[in-house]
Protein backbone atom coordinates (compact mmCIF):
# COMPACT_ATOMS: atom_id res chain seq x y z
CA MET A 1 -85.60 30.78 108.15
CA ALA A 2 -88.52 33.84 106.84
CA MET A 3 -91.30 31.94 104.80
CA SER A 4 -91.27 32.60 101.61
CA THR A 5 -94.28 34.13 99.47
CA LEU A 6 -95.39 33.66 95.81
CA GLU A 7 -94.19 36.92 95.23
CA SER A 8 -90.69 36.22 96.56
CA LEU A 9 -90.02 33.49 93.65
CA PRO A 10 -88.24 34.17 90.92
CA ASN A 11 -89.75 34.52 87.35
CA GLU A 12 -88.83 30.61 86.07
CA ILE A 13 -90.38 28.90 89.13
CA LEU A 14 -93.90 30.92 89.07
CA ILE A 15 -93.74 30.02 85.50
CA ASN A 16 -93.20 26.19 86.59
CA ILE A 17 -96.14 26.22 89.14
CA PHE A 18 -98.34 28.09 87.14
CA GLU A 19 -97.69 25.49 84.29
CA LYS A 20 -97.92 22.19 86.00
CA TYR A 21 -99.25 22.99 89.66
CA ILE A 22 -101.95 25.07 89.71
CA ASN A 23 -105.32 24.96 87.83
CA GLY A 24 -106.23 26.88 85.27
CA VAL A 25 -109.84 27.73 86.40
CA ASP A 26 -107.41 28.74 89.57
CA ILE A 27 -105.25 30.91 87.91
CA ILE A 28 -108.12 33.18 86.08
CA ILE A 29 -110.25 33.22 89.54
CA ALA A 30 -107.50 34.32 91.57
CA PHE A 31 -104.85 36.13 89.53
CA ILE A 32 -106.57 37.62 86.53
CA ASP A 33 -107.56 41.07 86.21
CA GLN A 34 -106.26 41.06 90.10
CA GLN A 35 -103.62 44.78 89.37
CA ASN A 36 -100.92 42.26 89.41
CA GLN A 37 -99.11 43.11 86.04
CA ARG A 38 -96.04 40.50 86.84
CA PHE A 39 -98.36 37.97 87.78
CA ASN A 40 -100.52 38.66 84.15
CA GLY A 41 -97.24 38.86 81.99
CA LEU A 42 -96.26 34.86 84.10
CA ILE A 43 -99.14 33.71 82.94
CA MET A 44 -99.24 35.00 79.45
CA GLN A 45 -95.68 33.72 79.42
CA CYS A 46 -97.03 29.79 80.32
CA ARG A 47 -96.30 27.53 77.02
CA HIS A 48 -99.40 25.35 78.39
CA HIS A 49 -102.63 25.03 81.07
CA ASN A 50 -104.71 22.47 82.54
CA PHE A 51 -108.15 23.25 83.39
CA ASN A 52 -109.99 21.05 85.25
CA PHE A 53 -113.51 21.88 85.86
CA VAL A 54 -114.74 19.30 87.85
CA ASN A 55 -116.95 20.19 91.00
CA CYS A 56 -116.78 24.19 89.30
CA GLN A 57 -118.49 26.33 90.92
CA LYS A 58 -121.47 27.43 88.47
CA ASP A 59 -120.24 31.10 88.56
CA CYS A 60 -116.63 30.71 88.67
CA PHE A 61 -117.32 28.42 85.67
CA HIS A 62 -118.89 31.07 83.12
CA TYR A 63 -116.23 33.62 84.75
CA CYS A 64 -113.66 31.71 83.40
CA ILE A 65 -114.96 30.09 80.20
CA ASN A 66 -115.11 33.94 79.22
CA PHE A 67 -111.71 34.32 79.69
CA LEU A 68 -110.81 31.15 77.98
CA PRO A 69 -110.33 32.08 74.49
CA ASN A 70 -107.06 34.01 75.56
CA TYR A 71 -105.66 30.37 76.61
CA ILE A 72 -107.52 28.01 74.25
CA GLY A 73 -104.13 27.63 71.93
CA LYS A 74 -102.29 26.56 75.16
CA ILE A 75 -104.43 23.66 77.01
CA LYS A 76 -102.76 20.63 77.25
CA LYS A 77 -105.40 19.17 79.82
CA LEU A 78 -108.93 19.94 79.54
CA VAL A 79 -111.76 17.96 81.82
CA LEU A 80 -115.48 18.38 81.62
CA SER A 81 -118.18 16.80 84.21
CA ASP A 82 -121.86 17.05 84.67
CA HIS A 83 -121.65 14.84 87.55
CA ASN A 84 -123.00 17.46 90.62
CA THR A 85 -122.71 20.19 88.18
CA PRO A 86 -125.59 19.36 85.15
CA GLY A 87 -125.56 21.56 82.40
CA GLN A 88 -121.31 22.11 82.66
CA ILE A 89 -120.63 20.27 79.57
CA SER A 90 -123.66 21.76 77.44
CA THR A 91 -122.95 25.24 78.59
CA PHE A 92 -119.30 24.91 77.58
CA LEU A 93 -120.04 23.02 73.92
CA LEU A 94 -122.76 26.12 73.16
CA ARG A 95 -119.78 28.19 74.09
CA PHE A 96 -117.13 26.16 72.22
CA PRO A 97 -118.62 23.30 69.89
CA LEU A 98 -115.94 22.47 68.03
CA LEU A 99 -112.22 21.98 69.54
CA HIS A 100 -110.34 22.07 66.76
CA ASN A 101 -108.92 25.61 68.19
CA PHE A 102 -107.67 23.69 71.14
CA ARG A 103 -104.69 22.81 69.29
CA ASN A 104 -102.00 21.89 71.31
CA ILE A 105 -104.45 19.84 73.41
CA HIS A 106 -102.78 16.50 74.79
CA ARG A 107 -105.76 14.65 77.34
CA LEU A 108 -109.60 15.35 77.16
CA SER A 109 -111.92 13.80 79.95
CA ILE A 110 -115.79 14.05 79.26
CA ASN A 111 -118.10 13.15 81.90
CA PHE A 112 -121.68 13.24 80.93
CA ASN A 113 -125.22 12.65 81.57
CA ALA A 114 -126.55 11.49 77.87
CA GLU A 115 -130.02 13.06 79.59
CA THR A 116 -128.25 16.43 80.03
CA VAL A 117 -126.23 16.70 76.73
CA SER A 118 -126.79 15.86 73.24
CA TRP A 119 -125.17 13.19 72.21
CA ILE A 120 -124.45 14.92 68.67
CA ARG A 121 -122.67 17.61 70.73
CA ILE A 122 -120.22 15.16 71.90
CA ARG A 123 -119.56 13.25 68.58
CA ASN A 124 -119.27 16.86 66.63
CA ALA A 125 -116.78 18.06 69.13
CA LEU A 126 -114.60 14.62 69.16
CA ARG A 127 -115.03 14.64 65.35
CA SER A 128 -113.26 18.05 65.39
CA LEU A 129 -109.98 16.83 67.05
CA SER A 130 -108.94 15.20 64.02
CA THR A 131 -106.91 18.26 63.54
CA THR A 132 -105.13 18.18 67.08
CA ASN A 133 -102.47 16.13 68.55
CA ILE A 134 -104.82 14.48 70.96
CA HIS A 135 -103.20 11.77 72.99
CA THR A 136 -105.44 10.57 75.51
CA LEU A 137 -109.66 10.20 75.63
CA ILE A 138 -111.18 9.53 78.61
CA ILE A 139 -115.09 9.41 78.05
CA ASN A 140 -117.28 8.69 81.05
CA VAL A 141 -121.23 8.42 80.20
CA ILE A 142 -124.61 7.36 81.80
CA HIS A 143 -128.39 7.38 80.57
CA MET A 144 -126.97 6.83 77.00
CA GLU A 145 -130.30 5.62 75.59
CA ARG A 146 -129.87 3.76 72.36
CA PRO A 147 -126.15 1.64 71.98
CA SER A 148 -126.11 2.69 68.54
CA ARG A 149 -125.15 6.33 69.70
CA LEU A 150 -122.21 4.98 71.81
CA ASN A 151 -120.96 2.86 69.00
CA TYR A 152 -120.38 6.43 66.94
CA ILE A 153 -118.38 7.86 69.68
CA ASN A 154 -116.76 5.38 69.98
CA TYR A 155 -115.50 5.23 66.12
CA ASP A 156 -114.92 8.94 66.54
CA MET A 157 -112.25 8.09 69.15
CA PHE A 158 -110.84 5.73 67.19
CA ASP A 159 -110.84 7.02 64.26
CA LEU A 160 -108.31 10.03 65.70
CA GLN A 161 -105.11 9.58 63.68
CA SER A 162 -102.94 10.66 66.89
CA ILE A 163 -104.60 8.83 69.99
CA LYS A 164 -103.11 6.11 72.10
CA ARG A 165 -105.52 5.82 74.97
CA ILE A 166 -108.99 5.69 75.06
CA ASP A 167 -110.90 5.04 78.28
CA LEU A 168 -114.64 4.31 77.75
CA LEU A 169 -117.28 3.98 80.52
CA SER A 170 -120.44 3.71 80.32
CA ASP A 171 -123.34 1.75 82.12
CA ILE A 172 -124.76 0.19 79.12
CA SER A 173 -122.70 -2.42 76.56
CA TYR A 174 -121.47 -1.14 73.00
CA ASP A 175 -121.84 -3.50 70.63
CA ASP A 176 -120.65 -3.22 66.88
CA TRP A 177 -117.55 -3.76 66.75
CA GLY A 178 -117.29 -4.40 62.55
CA LEU A 179 -115.23 -1.65 61.63
CA LEU A 180 -113.15 -1.18 64.95
CA PRO A 181 -110.18 -4.39 63.98
CA THR A 182 -107.95 -1.79 61.70
CA LEU A 183 -108.10 1.06 63.65
CA PHE A 184 -106.25 -0.63 66.93
CA SER A 185 -102.62 -0.51 65.85
CA LYS A 186 -101.94 2.67 66.99
CA ILE A 187 -103.82 2.03 70.61
CA GLU A 188 -100.90 1.79 73.52
CA HIS A 189 -103.69 2.32 76.74
CA LEU A 190 -107.04 0.89 76.28
CA THR A 191 -110.00 1.19 79.42
CA SER A 192 -113.34 -0.28 78.26
CA ILE A 193 -116.40 -1.11 80.05
CA ARG A 194 -118.80 -3.51 79.25
CA MET A 195 -118.03 -4.61 75.36
CA SER A 196 -120.41 -6.68 74.42
CA CYS A 197 -118.31 -9.06 72.40
CA ASP A 198 -116.92 -12.81 73.82
CA PHE A 199 -113.48 -13.21 74.89
CA GLN A 200 -112.12 -15.09 71.45
CA TYR A 201 -113.94 -11.90 69.30
CA LEU A 202 -111.31 -9.61 71.44
CA CYS A 203 -108.49 -11.30 70.86
CA SER A 204 -109.10 -10.97 67.40
CA ILE A 205 -109.37 -7.60 67.37
CA LEU A 206 -106.11 -7.40 69.56
CA GLN A 207 -104.23 -9.09 66.82
CA ASN A 208 -104.13 -5.65 64.91
CA ALA A 209 -103.15 -4.03 68.00
CA PHE A 210 -99.50 -4.09 67.23
CA HIS A 211 -98.65 -1.25 70.04
CA LEU A 212 -101.24 -2.06 72.61
CA LYS A 213 -99.73 -2.05 75.86
CA TYR A 214 -102.27 -1.92 78.87
CA LEU A 215 -105.78 -3.37 78.17
CA ASN A 216 -108.96 -2.76 80.81
CA VAL A 217 -111.96 -4.73 79.66
CA ARG A 218 -114.87 -6.41 81.77
CA LEU A 219 -117.16 -8.98 78.65
CA ASP A 220 -120.41 -8.40 78.67
CA SER A 221 -121.17 -11.26 76.35
CA SER A 222 -124.87 -11.96 77.34
CA SER A 223 -125.34 -7.60 76.63
CA LEU A 224 -127.37 -8.18 73.43
CA SER A 225 -129.39 -5.17 71.76
CA ARG A 226 -131.71 -4.84 69.16
CA PHE A 227 -129.74 -3.15 66.88
CA PHE A 228 -126.11 -6.00 66.30
CA LYS A 229 -125.37 -9.25 66.97
CA PRO A 230 -122.17 -10.07 68.80
CA TYR A 231 -119.69 -10.82 67.02
CA GLN A 232 -118.00 -14.48 66.95
CA HIS A 233 -114.64 -15.10 65.65
CA THR A 234 -113.55 -18.89 64.56
CA ASN A 235 -110.20 -18.32 63.56
CA ASP A 236 -107.06 -19.21 65.85
CA SER A 237 -104.57 -18.33 63.80
CA ILE A 238 -103.48 -15.20 65.89
CA ILE A 239 -99.89 -15.06 66.00
CA SER A 240 -98.72 -12.71 68.90
CA ILE A 241 -99.65 -9.96 70.74
CA PRO A 242 -96.53 -8.48 71.19
CA VAL A 243 -96.26 -5.94 73.27
CA LEU A 244 -98.60 -6.08 75.89
CA HIS A 245 -97.54 -5.98 79.08
CA THR A 246 -100.87 -5.40 81.11
CA PHE A 247 -103.80 -7.68 80.82
CA LEU A 248 -106.95 -6.90 83.44
CA LEU A 249 -109.60 -8.93 82.32
CA SER A 250 -113.04 -9.00 83.93
CA PHE A 251 -115.44 -12.27 83.14
CA GLN A 252 -119.26 -12.62 83.95
CA SER A 253 -120.46 -15.68 85.67
CA THR A 254 -122.18 -16.72 83.08
CA ASP A 255 -119.57 -16.25 80.32
CA PRO A 256 -118.97 -19.37 78.81
CA THR A 257 -115.29 -19.27 77.95
CA THR A 258 -113.00 -22.22 79.22
CA PHE A 259 -109.80 -22.58 80.78
CA GLU A 260 -108.18 -23.87 77.40
CA LYS A 261 -109.81 -21.00 75.20
CA LEU A 262 -108.07 -18.54 77.57
CA ALA A 263 -104.87 -20.18 78.02
CA TYR A 264 -104.44 -20.72 74.31
CA TYR A 265 -104.38 -16.20 74.03
CA LEU A 266 -102.50 -15.66 76.73
CA ARG A 267 -99.51 -18.18 75.71
CA ARG A 268 -99.52 -15.44 72.66
CA MET A 269 -98.75 -12.21 75.05
CA PRO A 270 -94.78 -13.35 75.59
CA ALA A 271 -94.45 -9.77 77.02
CA LEU A 272 -97.13 -9.98 79.77
CA ARG A 273 -95.79 -9.06 82.88
CA ARG A 274 -99.11 -8.06 84.92
CA LEU A 275 -102.14 -10.41 84.77
CA ASP A 276 -105.53 -9.62 86.93
CA ILE A 277 -108.44 -11.95 86.01
CA LYS A 278 -111.51 -11.78 87.73
CA ALA A 279 -113.28 -15.28 86.80
CA HIS A 280 -116.27 -17.64 87.04
CA GLY A 281 -115.75 -21.02 88.14
CA ALA A 282 -114.67 -22.82 85.21
CA LEU A 283 -111.01 -20.58 85.82
CA LEU A 284 -110.55 -21.46 88.98
CA ASP A 285 -108.20 -24.87 88.07
CA ALA A 286 -105.13 -24.22 90.21
CA ASN A 287 -103.01 -27.43 88.43
CA ALA A 288 -104.37 -25.81 85.03
CA TRP A 289 -102.57 -22.28 85.84
CA GLU A 290 -99.75 -23.63 87.49
CA ALA A 291 -99.19 -25.91 84.19
CA LEU A 292 -99.37 -22.78 82.36
CA LEU A 293 -97.41 -20.53 84.20
CA GLN A 294 -94.49 -22.92 84.25
CA THR A 295 -94.46 -23.11 80.99
CA SER A 296 -95.63 -19.74 79.54
CA LEU A 297 -95.59 -16.02 80.40
CA PRO A 298 -91.76 -15.78 81.29
CA GLN A 299 -91.95 -11.83 82.67
CA LEU A 300 -94.93 -12.25 84.86
CA THR A 301 -94.65 -11.22 87.88
CA HIS A 302 -98.02 -10.09 88.84
CA PHE A 303 -100.84 -12.38 88.78
CA ARG A 304 -103.87 -11.92 90.77
CA LEU A 305 -107.03 -14.92 89.84
CA LYS A 306 -110.13 -12.64 91.52
CA THR A 307 -113.95 -14.55 92.29
CA THR A 308 -116.43 -13.86 94.14
CA THR A 309 -118.63 -16.14 96.69
CA SER A 310 -121.69 -15.61 94.52
CA CYS A 311 -119.77 -17.73 91.70
CA ILE A 312 -119.00 -21.06 94.07
CA ASN A 313 -120.62 -22.40 96.73
CA ASN A 314 -118.80 -23.10 100.62
CA ILE A 315 -117.66 -26.49 99.36
CA GLU A 316 -116.23 -25.64 96.53
CA LEU A 317 -114.81 -22.57 98.36
CA GLU A 318 -113.00 -24.78 100.68
CA ASN A 319 -111.57 -27.23 97.76
CA ILE A 320 -110.85 -24.28 95.74
CA LEU A 321 -108.78 -22.69 98.45
CA ALA A 322 -106.67 -26.08 99.39
CA SER A 323 -105.48 -26.46 95.61
CA PHE A 324 -103.70 -23.39 95.68
CA GLU A 325 -101.69 -23.90 98.95
CA THR A 326 -98.95 -25.71 97.37
CA PRO A 327 -95.20 -25.01 96.75
CA PHE A 328 -95.32 -23.35 93.45
CA TRP A 329 -97.84 -20.82 94.84
CA ILE A 330 -96.48 -20.35 98.29
CA THR A 331 -92.83 -19.64 96.53
CA LYS A 332 -94.59 -17.04 93.61
CA ASP A 333 -94.55 -13.89 95.76
CA ASN A 334 -96.61 -11.51 93.94
CA PHE A 335 -99.39 -14.90 92.67
CA TYR A 336 -102.75 -15.02 94.52
CA LEU A 337 -106.22 -16.32 94.67
CA ILE A 338 -108.29 -13.69 96.09
CA VAL A 339 -112.12 -14.68 97.10
CA THR A 340 -114.58 -12.01 98.44
CA LYS A 341 -118.00 -11.91 99.60
CA HIS A 342 -119.58 -7.96 99.06
CA LYS A 343 -122.92 -6.86 100.23
CA TYR A 344 -124.92 -4.60 97.56
CA LEU A 345 -126.22 -0.99 98.29
CA ASP A 346 -126.75 1.86 96.36
CA THR A 347 -123.25 2.83 94.78
CA LYS A 348 -125.15 6.12 93.31
CA THR A 349 -124.84 6.83 97.07
CA LEU A 350 -121.90 5.15 98.32
CA HIS A 351 -119.95 7.16 95.41
CA SER A 352 -121.58 10.62 95.74
CA TYR A 353 -118.16 12.03 94.25
CA LYS A 354 -118.43 10.49 90.70
CA LEU A 355 -120.78 9.37 88.02
CA GLN A 356 -121.07 5.87 88.53
CA VAL A 357 -121.16 3.53 85.64
CA ASP A 358 -120.66 0.16 86.41
CA ASN A 359 -123.10 -0.23 89.01
CA GLU A 360 -123.74 -3.95 88.19
CA ASP A 361 -119.88 -5.07 89.07
CA GLU A 362 -120.32 -7.21 92.10
CA PHE A 363 -116.27 -5.98 92.28
CA ASN A 364 -117.49 -2.62 93.07
CA GLN A 365 -119.55 -2.97 96.17
CA PRO A 366 -117.92 -3.55 99.10
CA VAL A 367 -115.89 -6.57 100.87
CA ILE A 368 -117.52 -7.57 103.60
CA GLN A 369 -114.83 -11.10 103.59
CA TRP A 370 -112.07 -12.37 101.82
CA TRP A 371 -110.38 -15.41 101.94
CA ILE A 372 -106.49 -15.26 100.40
CA VAL A 373 -104.18 -18.15 99.56
CA PRO A 374 -101.66 -19.11 99.44
CA PHE A 375 -101.41 -17.82 103.06
CA ARG A 376 -97.64 -16.44 103.73
CA ASN A 377 -97.51 -16.46 107.70
CA ARG A 378 -97.28 -12.50 107.91
CA LEU A 379 -99.02 -9.35 107.83
CA ASP A 380 -99.83 -9.04 104.16
CA ASP A 381 -100.43 -5.56 102.28
CA ILE A 382 -99.93 -7.34 98.91
CA PRO A 383 -102.83 -8.75 97.81
CA THR A 384 -105.49 -6.40 99.80
CA SER A 385 -103.78 -3.65 97.37
CA ASP A 386 -106.78 -3.71 94.83
CA ILE A 387 -108.91 -3.07 97.22
CA ILE A 388 -110.60 0.28 97.66
CA SER A 389 -114.08 -0.57 99.05
CA PHE A 390 -114.81 -2.16 102.61
CA GLY A 391 -117.80 -3.23 104.99
CA ILE A 392 -117.79 -3.43 108.24
CA SER A 393 -120.53 -5.96 109.05
CA GLY A 394 -121.25 -9.39 111.01
CA VAL A 395 -118.50 -10.53 113.91
CA VAL A 396 -115.28 -9.38 114.84
CA ARG A 397 -113.71 -12.89 114.67
CA SER A 398 -114.47 -12.77 110.53
CA LEU A 399 -111.90 -10.36 110.18
CA SER A 400 -108.38 -11.43 110.05
CA GLN A 401 -105.03 -10.16 111.37
CA TYR A 402 -102.87 -11.26 108.99
CA TYR A 403 -103.65 -8.84 106.16
CA TYR A 404 -103.33 -5.17 106.01
CA PHE A 405 -105.30 -2.73 104.00
CA ASN A 406 -103.48 0.19 102.46
CA ASN A 407 -105.69 1.49 100.22
CA ILE A 408 -109.51 1.40 101.16
CA GLU A 409 -110.88 5.05 100.31
CA HIS A 410 -114.69 3.66 101.14
CA LEU A 411 -115.27 2.55 104.23
CA VAL A 412 -119.41 1.23 104.98
CA ILE A 413 -120.06 0.49 108.51
CA TYR A 414 -122.86 -1.96 109.04
CA ASP A 415 -122.41 -2.87 112.28
CA MET A 416 -120.18 -1.58 114.96
CA ASN A 417 -118.51 -2.15 118.16
CA GLU A 418 -115.27 -2.04 120.08
CA GLY A 419 -113.61 -4.75 118.43
CA PHE A 420 -114.79 -3.54 115.28
CA SER A 421 -113.20 -0.09 115.98
CA ASN A 422 -109.79 -1.78 117.06
CA TRP A 423 -109.62 -3.99 114.37
CA ILE A 424 -109.97 -0.41 112.07
CA LEU A 425 -107.38 1.06 113.21
CA LYS A 426 -105.24 -1.67 113.85
CA TYR A 427 -105.15 -3.15 110.20
CA ILE A 428 -106.42 -0.52 107.95
CA ASN A 429 -104.18 2.43 106.92
CA TYR A 430 -107.61 4.89 108.13
CA SER A 431 -105.44 7.89 107.28
CA GLN A 432 -106.46 7.10 103.46
CA ILE A 433 -110.21 6.89 104.02
CA LYS A 434 -112.06 9.92 102.23
CA TYR A 435 -115.68 8.71 101.73
CA LEU A 436 -117.93 7.29 104.66
CA ASP A 437 -120.95 5.96 105.27
CA ILE A 438 -122.80 5.07 108.35
CA SER A 439 -125.84 5.52 107.39
CA TYR A 440 -127.13 1.83 107.86
CA ILE A 441 -126.31 2.25 111.93
CA ASP A 442 -129.87 2.46 114.15
CA LYS A 443 -128.09 2.77 117.09
CA GLU A 444 -125.86 6.27 118.59
CA SER A 445 -122.80 4.40 119.93
CA ASN A 446 -119.60 6.19 121.78
CA ILE A 447 -117.47 3.82 119.46
CA ILE A 448 -118.82 5.84 116.39
CA ALA A 449 -117.65 8.77 118.14
CA LEU A 450 -114.18 7.59 118.90
CA LEU A 451 -113.61 6.45 115.06
CA LEU A 452 -114.74 9.71 113.39
CA LEU A 453 -112.34 11.55 115.68
CA GLN A 454 -109.73 9.18 114.24
CA LEU A 455 -110.94 9.64 110.69
CA LYS A 456 -109.25 13.04 109.82
CA ASN A 457 -109.20 13.35 105.72
CA ILE A 458 -113.22 12.06 105.33
CA ILE A 459 -114.21 14.07 102.50
CA SER A 460 -117.35 12.75 102.23
CA LEU A 461 -119.94 11.19 104.83
CA ARG A 462 -123.76 9.16 104.79
CA ILE A 463 -125.19 9.52 107.98
CA ASP A 464 -128.78 9.69 109.34
CA TYR A 465 -129.42 13.46 110.13
CA GLN A 466 -130.64 11.96 113.67
CA HIS A 467 -127.21 11.35 114.19
CA LEU A 468 -125.10 13.99 112.51
CA VAL A 469 -127.03 16.22 115.22
CA THR A 470 -125.53 13.61 118.00
CA TYR A 471 -122.27 13.56 116.46
CA LYS A 472 -121.92 17.17 115.81
CA ASN A 473 -119.40 17.99 118.98
CA VAL A 474 -116.89 15.42 117.09
CA TYR A 475 -117.25 17.10 113.89
CA LEU A 476 -116.51 20.60 115.55
CA GLU A 477 -113.20 19.27 117.35
CA ASN A 478 -112.12 17.69 114.09
CA ASN A 479 -113.22 20.63 112.18
CA HIS A 480 -113.35 18.36 108.95
CA CYS A 481 -112.51 19.56 105.81
CA MET A 482 -115.72 17.54 104.32
CA LYS A 483 -116.95 18.45 100.96
CA TYR A 484 -120.21 15.67 100.43
CA LEU A 485 -122.50 15.58 103.03
CA ASP A 486 -125.84 13.12 102.09
CA ILE A 487 -128.46 13.63 104.57
CA SER A 488 -131.30 11.69 102.76
CA VAL A 489 -131.25 8.72 104.26
CA ASN A 490 -135.05 9.62 106.21
CA LYS A 491 -137.12 12.45 106.37
CA HIS A 492 -135.69 15.47 107.89
CA ASN A 493 -136.50 19.30 109.02
CA PHE A 494 -134.81 21.94 107.15
CA ASN A 495 -135.29 25.32 109.19
CA GLU A 496 -133.01 27.86 108.99
CA GLU A 497 -131.44 26.58 112.30
CA ASP A 498 -130.32 23.26 110.80
CA ILE A 499 -129.08 25.15 107.60
CA MET A 500 -126.97 27.33 110.16
CA MET A 501 -126.05 23.76 111.91
CA ILE A 502 -124.48 22.02 109.00
CA ALA A 503 -122.67 25.30 108.00
CA GLN A 504 -120.94 26.01 111.56
CA LEU A 505 -119.79 21.94 110.68
CA PHE A 506 -118.29 21.41 107.36
CA PRO A 507 -117.91 25.03 106.33
CA ARG A 508 -116.51 24.41 103.06
CA ILE A 509 -119.17 22.06 101.72
CA GLU A 510 -119.78 21.35 97.63
CA HIS A 511 -122.43 18.97 97.57
CA LEU A 512 -125.87 18.83 99.45
CA ILE A 513 -127.99 15.62 99.42
CA ILE A 514 -131.28 15.95 101.42
CA ASN A 515 -134.67 14.45 101.87
CA THR A 516 -137.21 17.02 103.35
CA ASN A 517 -140.49 18.25 102.77
CA MET A 518 -139.26 21.69 103.67
CA LEU A 519 -138.08 23.72 100.59
CA GLU A 520 -138.86 26.46 100.86
CA ASN A 521 -136.02 27.36 102.88
CA VAL A 522 -133.48 25.89 100.27
CA PRO A 523 -132.95 30.13 99.33
CA LEU A 524 -131.28 30.29 102.46
CA LEU A 525 -128.56 28.28 101.47
CA GLU A 526 -126.91 31.44 99.84
CA ASN A 527 -126.34 32.97 102.77
CA TYR A 528 -125.08 30.22 104.64
CA ILE A 529 -123.40 27.91 102.54
CA PRO A 530 -121.26 30.36 100.16
CA HIS A 531 -119.41 27.28 98.60
CA LEU A 532 -122.29 24.93 97.73
CA CYS A 533 -121.72 24.05 94.37
CA SER A 534 -124.73 21.45 93.71
CA LEU A 535 -128.29 20.38 95.84
CA THR A 536 -129.85 16.85 95.52
CA SER A 537 -133.22 16.78 96.65
CA ASN A 538 -134.92 13.57 97.34
CA ILE A 539 -138.32 14.67 95.24
CA ILE A 540 -138.61 11.31 93.21
CA ASP A 541 -141.55 9.06 94.11
CA GLU A 542 -141.21 5.08 93.34
CA SER A 543 -143.31 4.79 90.09
CA PHE A 544 -140.71 7.06 88.66
CA ARG A 545 -137.37 4.74 89.32
CA ARG A 546 -139.54 2.10 86.73
CA TYR A 547 -140.12 3.97 84.22
CA LYS A 548 -138.97 3.70 80.69
CA SER A 549 -137.02 6.17 78.92
CA TYR A 550 -140.20 7.57 77.09
CA GLU A 551 -142.00 8.06 80.62
CA ARG A 552 -138.91 9.50 82.08
CA ARG A 553 -138.74 12.11 79.85
CA LEU A 554 -142.21 13.02 80.05
CA TRP A 555 -141.64 13.38 83.59
CA VAL A 556 -138.40 15.83 83.58
CA ASP A 557 -140.43 18.13 80.94
CA ASN A 558 -143.03 18.54 83.01
CA LEU A 559 -141.18 19.13 86.03
CA ARG A 560 -138.88 21.47 83.89
CA GLN A 561 -142.34 23.20 83.17
CA LYS A 562 -142.58 24.20 86.90
CA PHE A 563 -139.36 26.38 86.95
CA GLN A 564 -139.22 29.85 86.26
CA VAL A 565 -135.78 30.20 85.40
CA SER A 566 -134.31 27.34 82.62
CA PHE A 567 -131.53 26.10 84.07
CA GLU A 568 -130.37 22.26 83.51
CA PHE A 569 -130.90 19.58 86.30
CA ALA A 570 -130.27 15.53 86.79
CA ILE A 571 -132.92 12.90 87.82
CA ASP A 572 -131.17 9.96 89.30
CA ASN A 573 -132.27 9.41 92.81
CA GLY A 574 -133.22 12.44 93.08
CA MET A 575 -132.98 16.16 91.04
CA THR A 576 -129.53 17.49 91.33
CA ILE A 577 -129.09 21.47 90.35
CA TRP A 578 -125.61 23.40 89.99
CA ILE A 579 -126.09 25.66 92.10
CA ASP A 580 -126.29 29.60 91.22
CA GLN A 581 -128.23 32.81 92.67
CA ALA A 582 -131.19 32.34 90.12
CA ALA A 583 -131.65 28.40 90.74
CA LEU A 584 -131.96 29.34 94.66
CA ASN A 585 -134.16 31.83 93.98
CA GLU A 586 -136.49 30.19 91.82
CA SER A 587 -140.14 30.33 92.56
CA TYR A 588 -140.55 26.28 92.68
CA TRP A 589 -139.27 25.80 96.34
CA GLN A 590 -141.51 28.42 97.70
CA ASN A 591 -144.66 26.24 96.14
CA LYS A 592 -143.60 22.82 97.36
């Protein structure tokens, strides 16, 4: 059968593809002004487009926003991100400071660093959405200096009349909820990390959330700001939270909430079908949970009670595990207690593909050991479905043969031998692994080489540069479509030969993190790595990590004065630059 080409497809199918399956950025780059009048006409007939600027090359970004006014009224989904592309959002909002002309926008996602874009610009853009029918807002922010500024953004989102879903993720807590309860009535889906209030006050807010169906929140009641005090609610007159069907709730280990208080509010959620609790020791009473679940929550089909070894000691662990091995729990196929042990690492390097706003949450760190009850004497992948970050450390016998990990995306290897390799290939769906960190391994190993041959879908790799050289033949054989490469573990050479090798191994590389004194060769990247979107260089001294916000700003301003060309950069573990020809030709590199 002859293979169809895009040109051979009928107009109706092409319009459907343009509207639903192709990023608007790719449509503009690939089709606009390419002397194909048919495609140009069909694109103009489309009723809506989706534009996702995440990881967009700087030249492509500027090219696209020049054409964007032609499609502005048809944009249904818009995604902007400063991560690995510092200055993208400030550039976009300089061109489109108000968003009211995006009249058909349904979903807006803004992933921003408050050090590279003014929070006032973000506020003005959000408030201008009041004349649209915006349904979903996803705001992901790091380095917001003052909680009060985040509170203002919070109010602006909830005040939008058409809004139904809000996801607000931040690396600081926001704590002024005084005006929000009356605004909750229209919200159906809420994800909120680091809410600075106690559980009782959260539920007092929810009694106004008549339409809330999904709630995912991590309480941070111990995080107090200078400006506000956390609210304490004492009225237990809540009648019902009627349509909430999914509740994901995370407590701090020091949270004072008792089981009785938690149970009181859970009984007022009659439609609850899924309940996930990340708990401290006071909430791990198997008998109390059994009594609650036998008499309440009749619709509940999915229950996960999760904790970590930092919340309980070894003696408590044995007793708690035994208390959940009863006939009640064994007969509930989808009810589990899951205890995990995690190993902390620098999550900014592990998750180099996205802004990381919740580094303090232990559950975001790689799992290196686990205990799951009740034990069902079968190869079980149900209780492990939520584990996406995994660490290989210790001895093989600590790894169970009764659980299969189907959704592991991030794999960190601290130690490796043949037993570990065989276990990974048998009990982990390794085709799902996309982010691999082998930077902690000191010695070269044939086992690592064999494992790398199996992991064919890796898009992000953190590795010592010398090990990269050692295993280069593995990557040449696999022809990986690597997008993120972090070789900043130790100081390394960065000669033209090194750059050529990286380009040969990973021809589609988009983000590169280096740690070198040979920055004068940075301009050579333009010749060898044409798809490079961003470069992060470890120029940060140890004193910078201890700076307060004012000292940090002075340091960054002093660095900025060293550049001849004005461009944005982000400072975290290193200096990240959104790459274009002007940035690569900057004289700063020659003066280092």
